[in-house]
Amino acid sequence: MATDTKENNKPVAIKVIADTHECKEQAKREVEMLKFLNKIDHEKGFIVRLLDVFKYKKRNYCLVFEQLDMNLYELML
């Protein structure tokens, strides 16, 4: 969990993807898919929203999502 200081301290969730070649390729595919899903599900709200992507220390990809009430693991319990 984190706070988006650019958006009035809005609570967000950040997924940090490790600095390996395989993980970077996975991150690129994941971002493409999430952007596509955001477009087709823009009103229904069935899919978590990808809000932003940035690189941390020029290595790790960070995906910023809306913060939800529970994570997938908790939902499955």
PDB file of N, CA and C in Angstrom:
ATOM      1  N   MET A   1       0.828  -1.179   0.000  1.00  0.00           N
ATOM      2  CA  MET A   1       0.000   0.000   0.000  1.00  0.00           C
ATOM      3  C   MET A   1       0.876   1.247   0.000  1.00  0.00           C
ATOM      4  N   ALA A   2       0.332   2.270  -0.613  1.00  0.00           N
ATOM      5  CA  ALA A   2       1.070   3.534  -0.700  1.00  0.00           C
ATOM      6  C   ALA A   2       0.067   4.665  -0.868  1.00  0.00           C
ATOM      7  N   THR A   3       0.597   5.875  -0.921  1.00  0.00           N
ATOM      8  CA  THR A   3      -0.221   7.065  -1.112  1.00  0.00           C
ATOM      9  C   THR A   3       0.271   7.805  -2.342  1.00  0.00           C
ATOM     10  N   ASP A   4      -0.643   8.140  -3.230  1.00  0.00           N
ATOM     11  CA  ASP A   4      -0.307   8.888  -4.433  1.00  0.00           C
ATOM     12  C   ASP A   4      -0.327  10.378  -4.094  1.00  0.00           C
ATOM     13  N   THR A   5       0.838  10.946  -3.896  1.00  0.00           N
ATOM     14  CA  THR A   5       0.920  12.350  -3.494  1.00  0.00           C
ATOM     15  C   THR A   5       0.535  13.303  -4.624  1.00  0.00           C
ATOM     16  N   LYS A   6       0.536  12.821  -5.863  1.00  0.00           N
ATOM     17  CA  LYS A   6       0.133  13.659  -6.995  1.00  0.00           C
ATOM     18  C   LYS A   6      -1.385  13.722  -7.130  1.00  0.00           C
ATOM     19  N   GLU A   7      -2.086  12.805  -6.473  1.00  0.00           N
ATOM     20  CA  GLU A   7      -3.552  12.728  -6.585  1.00  0.00           C
ATOM     21  C   GLU A   7      -4.223  12.880  -5.218  1.00  0.00           C
ATOM     22  N   ASN A   8      -3.915  13.956  -4.520  1.00  0.00           N
ATOM     23  CA  ASN A   8      -4.557  14.271  -3.233  1.00  0.00           C
ATOM     24  C   ASN A   8      -4.426  13.153  -2.205  1.00  0.00           C
ATOM     25  N   ASN A   9      -3.249  12.535  -2.155  1.00  0.00           N
ATOM     26  CA  ASN A   9      -2.950  11.475  -1.190  1.00  0.00           C
ATOM     27  C   ASN A   9      -3.913  10.300  -1.289  1.00  0.00           C
ATOM     28  N   LYS A  10      -4.291   9.993  -2.487  1.00  0.00           N
ATOM     29  CA  LYS A  10      -5.188   8.866  -2.763  1.00  0.00           C
ATOM     30  C   LYS A  10      -4.477   7.550  -2.449  1.00  0.00           C
ATOM     31  N   PRO A  11      -5.132   6.617  -1.741  1.00  0.00           N
ATOM     32  CA  PRO A  11      -4.490   5.329  -1.456  1.00  0.00           C
ATOM     33  C   PRO A  11      -4.390   4.483  -2.726  1.00  0.00           C
ATOM     34  N   VAL A  12      -3.239   3.872  -2.924  1.00  0.00           N
ATOM     35  CA  VAL A  12      -2.986   3.020  -4.082  1.00  0.00           C
ATOM     36  C   VAL A  12      -2.239   1.769  -3.626  1.00  0.00           C
ATOM     37  N   ALA A  13      -2.152   0.813  -4.528  1.00  0.00           N
ATOM     38  CA  ALA A  13      -1.358  -0.390  -4.301  1.00  0.00           C
ATOM     39  C   ALA A  13      -0.271  -0.417  -5.372  1.00  0.00           C
ATOM     40  N   ILE A  14       0.931  -0.806  -4.991  1.00  0.00           N
ATOM     41  CA  ILE A  14       2.046  -0.845  -5.938  1.00  0.00           C
ATOM     42  C   ILE A  14       2.617  -2.250  -5.997  1.00  0.00           C
ATOM     43  N   LYS A  15       2.772  -2.745  -7.210  1.00  0.00           N
ATOM     44  CA  LYS A  15       3.405  -4.041  -7.443  1.00  0.00           C
ATOM     45  C   LYS A  15       4.794  -3.759  -8.009  1.00  0.00           C
ATOM     46  N   VAL A  16       5.823  -4.222  -7.318  1.00  0.00           N
ATOM     47  CA  VAL A  16       7.199  -4.018  -7.766  1.00  0.00           C
ATOM     48  C   VAL A  16       7.661  -5.301  -8.452  1.00  0.00           C
ATOM     49  N   ILE A  17       8.158  -5.157  -9.664  1.00  0.00           N
ATOM     50  CA  ILE A  17       8.618  -6.303 -10.447  1.00  0.00           C
ATOM     51  C   ILE A  17      10.131  -6.277 -10.501  1.00  0.00           C
ATOM     52  N   ALA A  18      10.727  -7.402 -10.169  1.00  0.00           N
ATOM     53  CA  ALA A  18      12.176  -7.512 -10.021  1.00  0.00           C
ATOM     54  C   ALA A  18      12.936  -7.168 -11.292  1.00  0.00           C
ATOM     55  N   ASP A  19      14.203  -6.881 -11.099  1.00  0.00           N
ATOM     56  CA  ASP A  19      15.092  -6.457 -12.179  1.00  0.00           C
ATOM     57  C   ASP A  19      15.790  -7.665 -12.804  1.00  0.00           C
ATOM     58  N   THR A  20      15.016  -8.485 -13.507  1.00  0.00           N
ATOM     59  CA  THR A  20      15.604  -9.564 -14.298  1.00  0.00           C
ATOM     60  C   THR A  20      15.024  -9.459 -15.701  1.00  0.00           C
ATOM     61  N   HIS A  21      15.714 -10.007 -16.666  1.00  0.00           N
ATOM     62  CA  HIS A  21      15.243  -9.923 -18.056  1.00  0.00           C
ATOM     63  C   HIS A  21      13.863 -10.559 -18.196  1.00  0.00           C
ATOM     64  N   GLU A  22      13.680 -11.737 -17.604  1.00  0.00           N
ATOM     65  CA  GLU A  22      12.405 -12.435 -17.716  1.00  0.00           C
ATOM     66  C   GLU A  22      11.277 -11.630 -17.078  1.00  0.00           C
ATOM     67  N   CYS A  23      11.542 -11.069 -15.919  1.00  0.00           N
ATOM     68  CA  CYS A  23      10.523 -10.298 -15.217  1.00  0.00           C
ATOM     69  C   CYS A  23      10.183  -9.015 -15.965  1.00  0.00           C
ATOM     70  N   LYS A  24      11.166  -8.392 -16.573  1.00  0.00           N
ATOM     71  CA  LYS A  24      10.901  -7.170 -17.339  1.00  0.00           C
ATOM     72  C   LYS A  24      10.002  -7.475 -18.534  1.00  0.00           C
ATOM     73  N   GLU A  25      10.256  -8.584 -19.204  1.00  0.00           N
ATOM     74  CA  GLU A  25       9.417  -8.970 -20.338  1.00  0.00           C
ATOM     75  C   GLU A  25       8.003  -9.276 -19.863  1.00  0.00           C
ATOM     76  N   GLN A  26       7.883  -9.959 -18.736  1.00  0.00           N
ATOM     77  CA  GLN A  26       6.575 -10.254 -18.151  1.00  0.00           C
ATOM     78  C   GLN A  26       5.855  -8.952 -17.798  1.00  0.00           C
ATOM     79  N   ALA A  27       6.587  -8.003 -17.224  1.00  0.00           N
ATOM     80  CA  ALA A  27       5.982  -6.723 -16.831  1.00  0.00           C
ATOM     81  C   ALA A  27       5.438  -5.993 -18.045  1.00  0.00           C
ATOM     82  N   LYS A  28       6.185  -5.984 -19.126  1.00  0.00           N
ATOM     83  CA  LYS A  28       5.727  -5.309 -20.342  1.00  0.00           C
ATOM     84  C   LYS A  28       4.437  -5.932 -20.854  1.00  0.00           C
ATOM     85  N   ARG A  29       4.374  -7.271 -20.868  1.00  0.00           N
ATOM     86  CA  ARG A  29       3.160  -7.951 -21.318  1.00  0.00           C
ATOM     87  C   ARG A  29       1.989  -7.680 -20.372  1.00  0.00           C
ATOM     88  N   GLU A  30       2.281  -7.687 -19.073  1.00  0.00           N
ATOM     89  CA  GLU A  30       1.236  -7.438 -18.082  1.00  0.00           C
ATOM     90  C   GLU A  30       0.664  -6.026 -18.225  1.00  0.00           C
ATOM     91  N   VAL A  31       1.530  -5.047 -18.426  1.00  0.00           N
ATOM     92  CA  VAL A  31       1.074  -3.664 -18.598  1.00  0.00           C
ATOM     93  C   VAL A  31       0.213  -3.541 -19.853  1.00  0.00           C
ATOM     94  N   GLU A  32       0.644  -4.157 -20.951  1.00  0.00           N
ATOM     95  CA  GLU A  32      -0.153  -4.112 -22.184  1.00  0.00           C
ATOM     96  C   GLU A  32      -1.538  -4.702 -21.952  1.00  0.00           C
ATOM     97  N   MET A  33      -1.600  -5.846 -21.281  1.00  0.00           N
ATOM     98  CA  MET A  33      -2.875  -6.512 -21.031  1.00  0.00           C
ATOM     99  C   MET A  33      -3.758  -5.680 -20.103  1.00  0.00           C
ATOM    100  N   LEU A  34      -3.186  -5.124 -19.051  1.00  0.00           N
ATOM    101  CA  LEU A  34      -3.970  -4.319 -18.116  1.00  0.00           C
ATOM    102  C   LEU A  34      -4.510  -3.055 -18.771  1.00  0.00           C
ATOM    103  N   LYS A  35      -3.716  -2.428 -19.624  1.00  0.00           N
ATOM    104  CA  LYS A  35      -4.202  -1.249 -20.341  1.00  0.00           C
ATOM    105  C   LYS A  35      -5.362  -1.613 -21.261  1.00  0.00           C
ATOM    106  N   PHE A  36      -5.254  -2.756 -21.917  1.00  0.00           N
ATOM    107  CA  PHE A  36      -6.332  -3.229 -22.778  1.00  0.00           C
ATOM    108  C   PHE A  36      -7.590  -3.507 -21.956  1.00  0.00           C
ATOM    109  N   LEU A  37      -7.430  -4.193 -20.823  1.00  0.00           N
ATOM    110  CA  LEU A  37      -8.573  -4.510 -19.969  1.00  0.00           C
ATOM    111  C   LEU A  37      -9.205  -3.247 -19.392  1.00  0.00           C
ATOM    112  N   ASN A  38      -8.391  -2.250 -19.061  1.00  0.00           N
ATOM    113  CA  ASN A  38      -8.938  -0.978 -18.571  1.00  0.00           C
ATOM    114  C   ASN A  38      -9.846  -0.341 -19.623  1.00  0.00           C
ATOM    115  N   LYS A  39      -9.481  -0.470 -20.896  1.00  0.00           N
ATOM    116  CA  LYS A  39     -10.281   0.127 -21.971  1.00  0.00           C
ATOM    117  C   LYS A  39     -11.623  -0.579 -22.129  1.00  0.00           C
ATOM    118  N   ILE A  40     -11.619  -1.909 -22.083  1.00  0.00           N
ATOM    119  CA  ILE A  40     -12.869  -2.622 -22.330  1.00  0.00           C
ATOM    120  C   ILE A  40     -13.756  -2.714 -21.087  1.00  0.00           C
ATOM    121  N   ASP A  41     -13.209  -2.460 -19.913  1.00  0.00           N
ATOM    122  CA  ASP A  41     -13.967  -2.564 -18.666  1.00  0.00           C
ATOM    123  C   ASP A  41     -14.024  -1.215 -17.950  1.00  0.00           C
ATOM    124  N   HIS A  42     -14.024  -0.125 -18.704  1.00  0.00           N
ATOM    125  CA  HIS A  42     -13.903   1.192 -18.097  1.00  0.00           C
ATOM    126  C   HIS A  42     -15.103   1.613 -17.260  1.00  0.00           C
ATOM    127  N   GLU A  43     -16.267   1.027 -17.466  1.00  0.00           N
ATOM    128  CA  GLU A  43     -17.440   1.434 -16.688  1.00  0.00           C
ATOM    129  C   GLU A  43     -17.897   0.374 -15.694  1.00  0.00           C
ATOM    130  N   LYS A  44     -17.663  -0.895 -15.972  1.00  0.00           N
ATOM    131  CA  LYS A  44     -18.188  -1.970 -15.134  1.00  0.00           C
ATOM    132  C   LYS A  44     -17.449  -2.112 -13.811  1.00  0.00           C
ATOM    133  N   GLY A  45     -16.138  -1.946 -13.830  1.00  0.00           N
ATOM    134  CA  GLY A  45     -15.361  -2.033 -12.601  1.00  0.00           C
ATOM    135  C   GLY A  45     -15.092  -3.445 -12.115  1.00  0.00           C
ATOM    136  N   PHE A  46     -15.083  -4.417 -13.036  1.00  0.00           N
ATOM    137  CA  PHE A  46     -14.829  -5.797 -12.643  1.00  0.00           C
ATOM    138  C   PHE A  46     -13.343  -6.127 -12.568  1.00  0.00           C
ATOM    139  N   ILE A  47     -12.512  -5.252 -13.078  1.00  0.00           N
ATOM    140  CA  ILE A  47     -11.073  -5.509 -13.138  1.00  0.00           C
ATOM    141  C   ILE A  47     -10.353  -4.381 -12.433  1.00  0.00           C
ATOM    142  N   VAL A  48      -9.332  -4.728 -11.659  1.00  0.00           N
ATOM    143  CA  VAL A  48      -8.566  -3.709 -10.950  1.00  0.00           C
ATOM    144  C   VAL A  48      -7.966  -2.743 -11.968  1.00  0.00           C
ATOM    145  N   ARG A  49      -7.953  -1.485 -11.636  1.00  0.00           N
ATOM    146  CA  ARG A  49      -7.462  -0.443 -12.546  1.00  0.00           C
ATOM    147  C   ARG A  49      -5.955  -0.233 -12.393  1.00  0.00           C
ATOM    148  N   LEU A  50      -5.275  -0.284 -13.519  1.00  0.00           N
ATOM    149  CA  LEU A  50      -3.874   0.113 -13.566  1.00  0.00           C
ATOM    150  C   LEU A  50      -3.867   1.622 -13.728  1.00  0.00           C
ATOM    151  N   LEU A  51      -3.262   2.321 -12.779  1.00  0.00           N
ATOM    152  CA  LEU A  51      -3.266   3.785 -12.801  1.00  0.00           C
ATOM    153  C   LEU A  51      -1.998   4.382 -13.394  1.00  0.00           C
ATOM    154  N   ASP A  52      -0.870   3.717 -13.176  1.00  0.00           N
ATOM    155  CA  ASP A  52       0.400   4.292 -13.619  1.00  0.00           C
ATOM    156  C   ASP A  52       1.460   3.199 -13.629  1.00  0.00           C
ATOM    157  N   VAL A  53       2.542   3.465 -14.326  1.00  0.00           N
ATOM    158  CA  VAL A  53       3.717   2.591 -14.364  1.00  0.00           C
ATOM    159  C   VAL A  53       4.939   3.483 -14.285  1.00  0.00           C
ATOM    160  N   PHE A  54       5.898   3.097 -13.449  1.00  0.00           N
ATOM    161  CA  PHE A  54       7.144   3.849 -13.396  1.00  0.00           C
ATOM    162  C   PHE A  54       8.286   2.909 -13.052  1.00  0.00           C
ATOM    163  N   LYS A  55       9.500   3.393 -13.280  1.00  0.00           N
ATOM    164  CA  LYS A  55      10.688   2.606 -12.935  1.00  0.00           C
ATOM    165  C   LYS A  55      11.295   3.178 -11.663  1.00  0.00           C
ATOM    166  N   TYR A  56      11.664   2.279 -10.773  1.00  0.00           N
ATOM    167  CA  TYR A  56      12.270   2.662  -9.509  1.00  0.00           C
ATOM    168  C   TYR A  56      13.768   2.394  -9.586  1.00  0.00           C
ATOM    169  N   LYS A  57      14.551   3.419  -9.336  1.00  0.00           N
ATOM    170  CA  LYS A  57      16.014   3.338  -9.420  1.00  0.00           C
ATOM    171  C   LYS A  57      16.484   2.807 -10.776  1.00  0.00           C
ATOM    172  N   LYS A  58      15.739   3.176 -11.822  1.00  0.00           N
ATOM    173  CA  LYS A  58      16.077   2.832 -13.210  1.00  0.00           C
ATOM    174  C   LYS A  58      16.145   1.333 -13.467  1.00  0.00           C
ATOM    175  N   ARG A  59      15.587   0.527 -12.554  1.00  0.00           N
ATOM    176  CA  ARG A  59      15.665  -0.922 -12.743  1.00  0.00           C
ATOM    177  C   ARG A  59      14.308  -1.584 -12.625  1.00  0.00           C
ATOM    178  N   ASN A  60      13.722  -1.509 -11.470  1.00  0.00           N
ATOM    179  CA  ASN A  60      12.490  -2.240 -11.194  1.00  0.00           C
ATOM    180  C   ASN A  60      11.274  -1.516 -11.772  1.00  0.00           C
ATOM    181  N   TYR A  61      10.407  -2.281 -12.393  1.00  0.00           N
ATOM    182  CA  TYR A  61       9.125  -1.728 -12.840  1.00  0.00           C
ATOM    183  C   TYR A  61       8.176  -1.698 -11.658  1.00  0.00           C
ATOM    184  N   CYS A  62       7.432  -0.615 -11.537  1.00  0.00           N
ATOM    185  CA  CYS A  62       6.425  -0.486 -10.487  1.00  0.00           C
ATOM    186  C   CYS A  62       5.091  -0.208 -11.154  1.00  0.00           C
ATOM    187  N   LEU A  63       4.120  -1.055 -10.873  1.00  0.00           N
ATOM    188  CA  LEU A  63       2.779  -0.908 -11.405  1.00  0.00           C
ATOM    189  C   LEU A  63       1.897  -0.364 -10.291  1.00  0.00           C
ATOM    190  N   VAL A  64       1.219   0.736 -10.561  1.00  0.00           N
ATOM    191  CA  VAL A  64       0.374   1.388  -9.564  1.00  0.00           C
ATOM    192  C   VAL A  64      -1.085   1.057  -9.883  1.00  0.00           C
ATOM    193  N   PHE A  65      -1.775   0.508  -8.882  1.00  0.00           N
ATOM    194  CA  PHE A  65      -3.167   0.109  -9.031  1.00  0.00           C
ATOM    195  C   PHE A  65      -4.037   0.864  -8.048  1.00  0.00           C
ATOM    196  N   GLU A  66      -5.326   0.908  -8.345  1.00  0.00           N
ATOM    197  CA  GLU A  66      -6.272   1.397  -7.353  1.00  0.00           C
ATOM    198  C   GLU A  66      -6.200   0.453  -6.149  1.00  0.00           C
ATOM    199  N   GLN A  67      -6.414   0.977  -4.986  1.00  0.00           N
ATOM    200  CA  GLN A  67      -6.390   0.136  -3.789  1.00  0.00           C
ATOM    201  C   GLN A  67      -7.797  -0.412  -3.555  1.00  0.00           C
ATOM    202  N   LEU A  68      -7.885  -1.724  -3.401  1.00  0.00           N
ATOM    203  CA  LEU A  68      -9.169  -2.375  -3.172  1.00  0.00           C
ATOM    204  C   LEU A  68      -9.291  -2.819  -1.718  1.00  0.00           C
ATOM    205  N   ASP A  69     -10.470  -3.287  -1.353  1.00  0.00           N
ATOM    206  CA  ASP A  69     -10.724  -3.690   0.030  1.00  0.00           C
ATOM    207  C   ASP A  69      -9.943  -4.924   0.450  1.00  0.00           C
ATOM    208  N   MET A  70      -9.691  -5.842  -0.489  1.00  0.00           N
ATOM    209  CA  MET A  70      -8.967  -7.068  -0.158  1.00  0.00           C
ATOM    210  C   MET A  70      -8.151  -7.504  -1.364  1.00  0.00           C
ATOM    211  N   ASN A  71      -7.157  -8.347  -1.090  1.00  0.00           N
ATOM    212  CA  ASN A  71      -6.353  -8.865  -2.188  1.00  0.00           C
ATOM    213  C   ASN A  71      -6.971 -10.166  -2.700  1.00  0.00           C
ATOM    214  N   LEU A  72      -6.441 -10.678  -3.784  1.00  0.00           N
ATOM    215  CA  LEU A  72      -6.990 -11.887  -4.411  1.00  0.00           C
ATOM    216  C   LEU A  72      -6.931 -13.083  -3.459  1.00  0.00           C
ATOM    217  N   TYR A  73      -5.858 -13.187  -2.720  1.00  0.00           N
ATOM    218  CA  TYR A  73      -5.721 -14.298  -1.768  1.00  0.00           C
ATOM    219  C   TYR A  73      -6.841 -14.263  -0.736  1.00  0.00           C
ATOM    220  N   GLU A  74      -7.124 -13.090  -0.182  1.00  0.00           N
ATOM    221  CA  GLU A  74      -8.199 -12.970   0.804  1.00  0.00           C
ATOM    222  C   GLU A  74      -9.556 -13.281   0.178  1.00  0.00           C
ATOM    223  N   LEU A  75      -9.752 -12.897  -1.060  1.00  0.00           N
ATOM    224  CA  LEU A  75     -11.003 -13.158  -1.745  1.00  0.00           C
ATOM    225  C   LEU A  75     -11.230 -14.651  -1.940  1.00  0.00           C
ATOM    226  N   MET A  76     -10.155 -15.391  -2.188  1.00  0.00           N
ATOM    227  CA  MET A  76     -10.271 -16.825  -2.423  1.00  0.00           C
ATOM    228  C   MET A  76     -10.534 -17.619  -1.156  1.00  0.00           C
ATOM    229  N   LEU A  77     -10.247 -17.057   0.014  1.00  0.00           N
ATOM    230  CA  LEU A  77     -10.457 -17.794   1.268  1.00  0.00           C
ATOM    231  C   LEU A  77     -11.916 -17.973   1.599  1.00  0.00           C
TER     232      LEU A  77
END
